Amino acid sequence: MSKNRTFWSKVSGLGMVAALIAAPARADEPLKVVGSFRVMEMAPLLTAAEAMPGLVTVSHGGIASLWPDAVETAATATGPKGTVADVAGNAETQALLQSVQHTDLRIILTVTEGNYRMMARRWSDIRNLADLKGKRIATSASTSAAYYLHKMLARADLTATDVTIVSFAPAQLKKGGDMLIDGGIDALALWEPEPERARQALGDNAIELFEFGAYRELYNLNATAATLADPVKRKQIVSYVRALLTSCHDATYRPARAQELIAKNTGYDFKLIEAAWPHHRWACNLPTDFADVLAEEEKWLAAQDKRPPRDRAQLARLIDPSILTEAQKQ
């Protein structure tokens, strides 16, 4: 069986139809990249695009921007209406959520691993995870932060019913930190730099709760099977991933430029971004345990959505290592 036939046999549903009828991309069209300008994890996406002037555009958005119907109608779509991205940065939670409907989703690279931590108030009589029982905890629902909170509570044999969860939208990230600083909540489960901002503001009143191995966010570069099947777009994506490999190296060993871009895009102070930087690992790889991570998280999401969870084999098909392999060879 040819390589092309092998590939098409793996593409199913709407993804295969879209791939068959989509017009080929023009070589002079830049690669359209989206990612949330509110998160630090997308730093390599910005610096890689900066190294490819005129060849790549980066816009604020999320994984829903990969599909025309989602861009037009989904509440989670944050990109310009009618604009469809070629690749999108988002945490694995959103990939799991979107792939229920969009089975043509492909995860092609883990750009960043976020090492989450909870920040709490000592004055709320919190010293360890068990002390969270009965407390008010802020997070953002249906996100990696909410799953992280679930995992942390489980470490103390607690569930969401044992605490009061105060939820806010991703567009209101500073609301979570402000509530903790002002005493409106007792603890915060969120991605950086809000935990660091709260820690600095609370001073001696801050206590950091961290459990090694409880959870790590996988912030990925995502595409659709149809886009990856387009020869022009595939070549562009491979080139961009090659630039990302360099960007991840720079974010690790000489991060100043990446920190500047993140400070500019998020609106946070440069020194705050610099202080929160060590809570990330700029990976640019595909973890060997990726399918296991997806399978475990899928159970939590499926229970929330009241649907049967997909098995590991189904979820493993969402991971496409071929782009990274091509980029590394080149």
Protein backbone atom coordinates (compact mmCIF):
# COMPACT_ATOMS: atom_id res chain seq x y z
CA MET A 1 0.00 0.00 0.00
CA SER A 2 1.37 3.46 -0.91
CA LYS A 3 2.18 6.10 1.67
CA ASN A 4 -0.66 8.28 0.38
CA ARG A 5 -3.17 5.46 0.64
CA THR A 6 -1.97 4.65 4.14
CA PHE A 7 -2.45 8.27 5.13
CA TRP A 8 -5.94 8.56 3.66
CA SER A 9 -7.02 5.37 5.38
CA LYS A 10 -6.39 7.10 8.69
CA VAL A 11 -8.41 10.21 7.88
CA SER A 12 -12.09 9.85 8.76
CA GLY A 13 -15.40 11.72 8.78
CA LEU A 14 -15.49 15.41 8.00
CA GLY A 15 -11.70 15.60 7.96
CA MET A 16 -11.49 13.30 4.94
CA VAL A 17 -14.24 15.14 3.07
CA ALA A 18 -12.59 18.50 3.75
CA ALA A 19 -9.22 17.18 2.63
CA LEU A 20 -10.66 15.89 -0.62
CA ILE A 21 -12.54 19.04 -1.62
CA ALA A 22 -10.27 21.76 -0.21
CA ALA A 23 -8.51 23.92 -2.79
CA PRO A 24 -4.72 23.74 -2.61
CA ALA A 25 -3.09 26.59 -0.71
CA ARG A 26 -1.17 29.22 -2.60
CA ALA A 27 2.56 29.28 -1.99
CA ASP A 28 2.56 33.05 -1.45
CA GLU A 29 0.01 32.90 1.38
CA PRO A 30 1.63 33.17 4.82
CA LEU A 31 1.08 30.45 7.40
CA LYS A 32 -1.70 31.58 9.75
CA VAL A 33 -0.91 30.81 13.39
CA VAL A 34 -3.18 31.52 16.35
CA GLY A 35 -2.66 31.32 20.09
CA SER A 36 -3.90 33.13 23.16
CA PHE A 37 -1.94 36.32 23.78
CA ARG A 38 -2.93 35.94 27.45
CA VAL A 39 -0.64 32.96 28.15
CA MET A 40 3.11 32.62 28.53
CA GLU A 41 3.18 29.18 26.92
CA MET A 42 2.96 30.61 23.42
CA ALA A 43 6.28 32.45 23.67
CA PRO A 44 8.05 30.14 21.14
CA LEU A 45 5.19 30.67 18.69
CA LEU A 46 5.93 34.40 18.70
CA THR A 47 9.70 34.21 18.40
CA ALA A 48 9.52 31.57 15.66
CA ALA A 49 7.19 33.80 13.65
CA GLU A 50 9.50 36.76 14.23
CA ALA A 51 12.32 34.73 12.67
CA MET A 52 10.18 34.18 9.55
CA PRO A 53 9.08 37.72 8.53
CA GLY A 54 6.39 37.75 5.87
CA LEU A 55 6.03 33.97 5.96
CA VAL A 56 4.01 33.61 9.17
CA THR A 57 1.26 35.66 10.81
CA VAL A 58 0.27 35.24 14.46
CA SER A 59 -3.16 36.24 15.75
CA HIS A 60 -4.94 35.95 19.08
CA GLY A 61 -7.19 32.90 19.13
CA GLY A 62 -7.53 29.27 20.05
CA ILE A 63 -7.87 25.81 18.66
CA ALA A 64 -11.46 26.45 17.53
CA SER A 65 -10.05 28.77 14.86
CA LEU A 66 -8.98 25.69 12.86
CA TRP A 67 -12.55 25.11 11.60
CA PRO A 68 -14.83 27.53 9.74
CA ASP A 69 -17.94 26.41 11.61
CA ALA A 70 -16.26 26.84 14.99
CA VAL A 71 -14.93 30.29 14.09
CA GLU A 72 -18.42 31.39 13.11
CA THR A 73 -20.47 29.86 15.91
CA ALA A 74 -18.43 28.48 18.84
CA ALA A 75 -18.39 30.53 22.01
CA THR A 76 -14.73 29.61 22.49
CA ALA A 77 -13.62 31.11 19.18
CA THR A 78 -11.57 34.21 19.89
CA GLY A 79 -10.03 34.92 16.51
CA PRO A 80 -11.51 37.37 13.97
CA LYS A 81 -14.85 36.12 12.69
CA GLY A 82 -14.46 34.24 9.44
CA THR A 83 -10.70 33.78 9.79
CA VAL A 84 -9.55 30.15 9.78
CA ALA A 85 -6.08 29.32 11.11
CA ASP A 86 -3.64 26.81 9.69
CA VAL A 87 -2.16 25.88 13.08
CA ALA A 88 -3.22 26.76 16.60
CA GLY A 89 -1.60 26.71 20.01
CA ASN A 90 -3.66 25.43 22.96
CA ALA A 91 -3.42 23.14 25.96
CA GLU A 92 -4.32 19.47 25.65
CA THR A 93 -7.64 20.03 27.44
CA GLN A 94 -8.95 22.09 24.54
CA ALA A 95 -7.69 19.53 22.03
CA LEU A 96 -9.72 16.86 23.82
CA LEU A 97 -12.82 19.05 23.94
CA GLN A 98 -12.68 20.08 20.29
CA SER A 99 -11.79 16.65 18.90
CA VAL A 100 -15.08 15.17 20.08
CA GLN A 101 -16.79 17.01 17.24
CA HIS A 102 -13.78 17.60 15.01
CA THR A 103 -12.21 14.17 14.60
CA ASP A 104 -9.77 15.54 12.02
CA LEU A 105 -7.79 17.36 14.71
CA ARG A 106 -4.09 16.49 14.84
CA ILE A 107 -1.62 17.37 17.59
CA ILE A 108 1.74 17.84 15.89
CA LEU A 109 4.03 19.24 18.60
CA THR A 110 4.16 19.91 22.32
CA VAL A 111 5.64 23.39 22.45
CA THR A 112 5.60 24.03 26.20
CA GLU A 113 5.03 22.07 29.39
CA GLY A 114 3.47 24.18 32.13
CA ASN A 115 4.39 23.19 35.67
CA TYR A 116 1.31 24.42 37.51
CA ARG A 117 1.13 25.33 41.18
CA MET A 118 -1.62 26.52 43.47
CA MET A 119 -1.29 29.71 45.47
CA ALA A 120 -3.18 30.06 48.75
CA ARG A 121 -3.51 32.39 51.74
CA ARG A 122 -1.90 31.39 55.02
CA TRP A 123 -4.49 33.51 56.82
CA SER A 124 -7.12 31.10 55.51
CA ASP A 125 -5.52 28.41 57.69
CA ILE A 126 -4.08 26.59 54.69
CA ARG A 127 -0.81 24.73 55.08
CA ASN A 128 -1.34 21.69 52.85
CA LEU A 129 -3.80 20.23 50.35
CA ALA A 130 -6.01 18.68 53.03
CA ASP A 131 -6.64 22.17 54.41
CA LEU A 132 -8.43 23.11 51.17
CA LYS A 133 -11.57 21.30 52.37
CA GLY A 134 -14.39 23.80 52.74
CA LYS A 135 -12.34 26.60 51.18
CA ARG A 136 -13.10 28.89 48.23
CA ILE A 137 -10.89 28.15 45.21
CA ALA A 138 -10.87 30.10 41.96
CA THR A 139 -10.14 28.55 38.58
CA SER A 140 -11.32 28.69 34.96
CA ALA A 141 -13.88 26.01 34.11
CA SER A 142 -13.25 23.42 31.38
CA THR A 143 -9.59 24.37 31.10
CA SER A 144 -6.26 22.80 32.00
CA ALA A 145 -6.39 24.76 35.26
CA ALA A 146 -9.70 23.16 36.25
CA TYR A 147 -8.29 19.72 35.52
CA TYR A 148 -5.20 20.59 37.54
CA LEU A 149 -7.43 21.53 40.48
CA HIS A 150 -9.21 18.18 40.15
CA LYS A 151 -5.87 16.35 40.26
CA MET A 152 -4.61 18.33 43.25
CA LEU A 153 -7.78 17.75 45.25
CA ALA A 154 -7.52 14.03 44.51
CA ARG A 155 -4.07 14.00 46.12
CA ALA A 156 -5.81 14.87 49.40
CA ASP A 157 -8.77 12.51 48.79
CA LEU A 158 -10.98 15.50 48.06
CA THR A 159 -13.35 16.26 45.19
CA ALA A 160 -15.01 19.38 43.83
CA THR A 161 -17.92 18.79 46.23
CA ASP A 162 -15.57 19.32 49.19
CA VAL A 163 -14.72 22.89 48.18
CA THR A 164 -16.44 25.96 46.75
CA ILE A 165 -15.20 26.56 43.21
CA VAL A 166 -15.35 30.12 41.95
CA SER A 167 -15.05 30.09 38.16
CA PHE A 168 -14.12 32.89 35.78
CA ALA A 169 -13.52 33.16 32.04
CA PRO A 170 -10.00 32.95 30.56
CA ALA A 171 -10.43 36.57 29.46
CA GLN A 172 -10.62 37.54 33.16
CA LEU A 173 -7.37 36.00 34.36
CA LYS A 174 -6.42 38.92 36.60
CA LYS A 175 -9.77 38.59 38.36
CA GLY A 176 -8.55 35.33 39.92
CA GLY A 177 -5.34 36.85 41.22
CA ASP A 178 -7.15 39.94 42.49
CA MET A 179 -9.67 37.82 44.40
CA LEU A 180 -6.88 35.94 46.14
CA ILE A 181 -4.98 39.10 46.97
CA ASP A 182 -8.11 40.82 48.29
CA GLY A 183 -9.26 37.81 50.31
CA GLY A 184 -12.34 37.01 48.24
CA ILE A 185 -11.06 33.45 47.80
CA ASP A 186 -8.70 31.21 49.75
CA ALA A 187 -6.73 29.62 46.90
CA LEU A 188 -6.08 29.96 43.19
CA ALA A 189 -5.57 27.21 40.59
CA LEU A 190 -4.41 28.84 37.37
CA TRP A 191 -1.55 29.05 34.91
CA GLU A 192 1.26 31.57 35.21
CA PRO A 193 1.86 34.42 35.76
CA GLU A 194 -1.19 34.96 38.00
CA PRO A 195 0.08 32.64 40.77
CA GLU A 196 3.38 34.53 40.76
CA ARG A 197 1.62 37.91 40.81
CA ALA A 198 -0.46 36.78 43.79
CA ARG A 199 2.61 35.40 45.55
CA GLN A 200 4.47 38.68 45.24
CA ALA A 201 1.47 40.72 46.40
CA LEU A 202 0.69 38.47 49.38
CA GLY A 203 4.27 38.24 50.61
CA ASP A 204 4.46 36.24 53.84
CA ASN A 205 0.73 35.51 53.59
CA ALA A 206 1.29 33.41 50.46
CA ILE A 207 1.71 29.66 50.52
CA GLU A 208 2.55 27.63 47.45
CA LEU A 209 0.97 24.19 47.04
CA PHE A 210 2.80 21.94 44.62
CA GLU A 211 2.67 18.19 44.16
CA PHE A 212 5.32 16.73 41.89
CA GLY A 213 3.78 14.55 39.20
CA ALA A 214 0.20 15.60 39.89
CA TYR A 215 -0.16 17.27 36.50
CA ARG A 216 1.77 19.07 33.79
CA GLU A 217 0.07 21.10 31.12
CA LEU A 218 0.92 20.15 27.54
CA TYR A 219 0.62 23.24 25.36
CA ASN A 220 0.54 21.99 21.80
CA LEU A 221 0.61 23.07 18.20
CA ASN A 222 -2.49 21.70 16.48
CA ALA A 223 -3.66 21.39 12.88
CA THR A 224 -6.25 19.49 10.87
CA ALA A 225 -5.67 16.42 8.73
CA ALA A 226 -6.78 18.40 5.68
CA THR A 227 -4.19 21.12 6.27
CA LEU A 228 -1.44 18.57 6.79
CA ALA A 229 -2.43 16.88 3.54
CA ASP A 230 -2.02 20.11 1.57
CA PRO A 231 1.54 20.00 0.12
CA VAL A 232 2.01 23.78 0.29
CA LYS A 233 0.75 24.14 3.85
CA ARG A 234 2.63 21.06 4.99
CA LYS A 235 5.90 22.52 3.73
CA GLN A 236 5.16 25.78 5.55
CA ILE A 237 4.30 23.97 8.77
CA VAL A 238 7.49 21.91 8.65
CA SER A 239 9.51 25.12 8.21
CA TYR A 240 7.68 26.74 11.12
CA VAL A 241 8.28 23.73 13.37
CA ARG A 242 11.97 23.89 12.49
CA ALA A 243 11.95 27.52 13.66
CA LEU A 244 10.10 26.44 16.80
CA LEU A 245 12.87 24.00 17.68
CA THR A 246 15.29 26.93 17.74
CA SER A 247 12.80 29.11 19.61
CA CYS A 248 12.37 26.53 22.37
CA HIS A 249 16.14 26.32 22.75
CA ASP A 250 16.36 30.10 22.99
CA ALA A 251 13.45 30.29 25.46
CA THR A 252 15.41 27.91 27.68
CA TYR A 253 18.93 29.36 27.44
CA ARG A 254 18.54 32.98 26.32
CA PRO A 255 14.92 33.92 26.99
CA ALA A 256 15.09 37.73 27.05
CA ARG A 257 13.46 38.31 23.65
CA ALA A 258 10.71 35.79 24.27
CA GLN A 259 10.03 37.37 27.66
CA GLU A 260 9.82 40.81 26.06
CA LEU A 261 7.25 39.60 23.53
CA ILE A 262 5.16 37.88 26.19
CA ALA A 263 5.22 40.96 28.41
CA LYS A 264 4.11 43.08 25.46
CA ASN A 265 1.30 40.74 24.41
CA THR A 266 -0.04 39.87 27.87
CA GLY A 267 0.31 43.33 29.39
CA TYR A 268 2.16 41.93 32.40
CA ASP A 269 5.33 43.53 33.73
CA PHE A 270 8.56 42.12 32.29
CA LYS A 271 9.96 41.34 35.75
CA LEU A 272 6.83 39.34 36.60
CA ILE A 273 7.16 37.32 33.38
CA GLU A 274 10.83 36.74 34.17
CA ALA A 275 9.98 35.50 37.68
CA ALA A 276 7.32 33.08 36.39
CA TRP A 277 9.51 31.77 33.54
CA PRO A 278 11.04 28.79 35.47
CA HIS A 279 7.58 27.24 35.86
CA HIS A 280 7.65 26.22 32.20
CA ARG A 281 9.66 23.77 30.17
CA TRP A 282 10.13 24.81 26.55
CA ALA A 283 9.93 21.30 25.13
CA CYS A 284 9.24 21.29 21.37
CA ASN A 285 8.82 17.52 21.28
CA LEU A 286 6.10 14.90 21.58
CA PRO A 287 6.14 13.24 25.03
CA THR A 288 6.30 9.46 25.07
CA ASP A 289 3.43 9.33 27.59
CA PHE A 290 1.18 11.67 25.59
CA ALA A 291 -1.52 9.10 24.79
CA ASP A 292 -1.66 8.04 28.45
CA VAL A 293 -2.06 11.66 29.55
CA LEU A 294 -4.91 12.17 27.09
CA ALA A 295 -6.65 8.95 28.13
CA GLU A 296 -6.60 9.88 31.81
CA GLU A 297 -7.82 13.43 31.25
CA GLU A 298 -10.49 12.21 28.82
CA LYS A 299 -12.23 10.36 31.67
CA TRP A 300 -12.62 13.62 33.62
CA LEU A 301 -13.91 15.57 30.62
CA ALA A 302 -16.28 12.80 29.53
CA ALA A 303 -17.81 12.64 33.02
CA GLN A 304 -18.39 16.40 32.90
CA ASP A 305 -19.98 16.16 29.45
CA LYS A 306 -21.97 13.07 30.40
CA ARG A 307 -20.67 11.01 27.49
CA PRO A 308 -18.66 7.78 27.22
CA PRO A 309 -14.90 8.37 27.29
CA ARG A 310 -12.85 7.53 24.22
CA ASP A 311 -10.21 4.86 24.73
CA ARG A 312 -6.45 5.29 24.51
CA ALA A 313 -6.24 3.91 20.98
CA GLN A 314 -8.78 6.44 19.71
CA LEU A 315 -6.97 9.32 21.37
CA ALA A 316 -3.55 8.18 20.18
CA ARG A 317 -4.75 8.73 16.62
CA LEU A 318 -4.99 12.45 17.34
CA ILE A 319 -1.18 12.60 17.69
CA ASP A 320 0.68 12.99 14.39
CA PRO A 321 4.49 12.88 14.80
CA SER A 322 5.25 13.13 11.08
CA ILE A 323 5.74 16.92 10.97
CA LEU A 324 8.21 16.88 13.85
CA THR A 325 10.06 13.97 12.22
CA GLU A 326 10.38 15.88 8.95
CA ALA A 327 11.52 19.05 10.71
CA GLN A 328 14.17 17.19 12.69
CA LYS A 329 15.51 15.47 9.57
CA GLN A 330 15.86 18.79 7.78
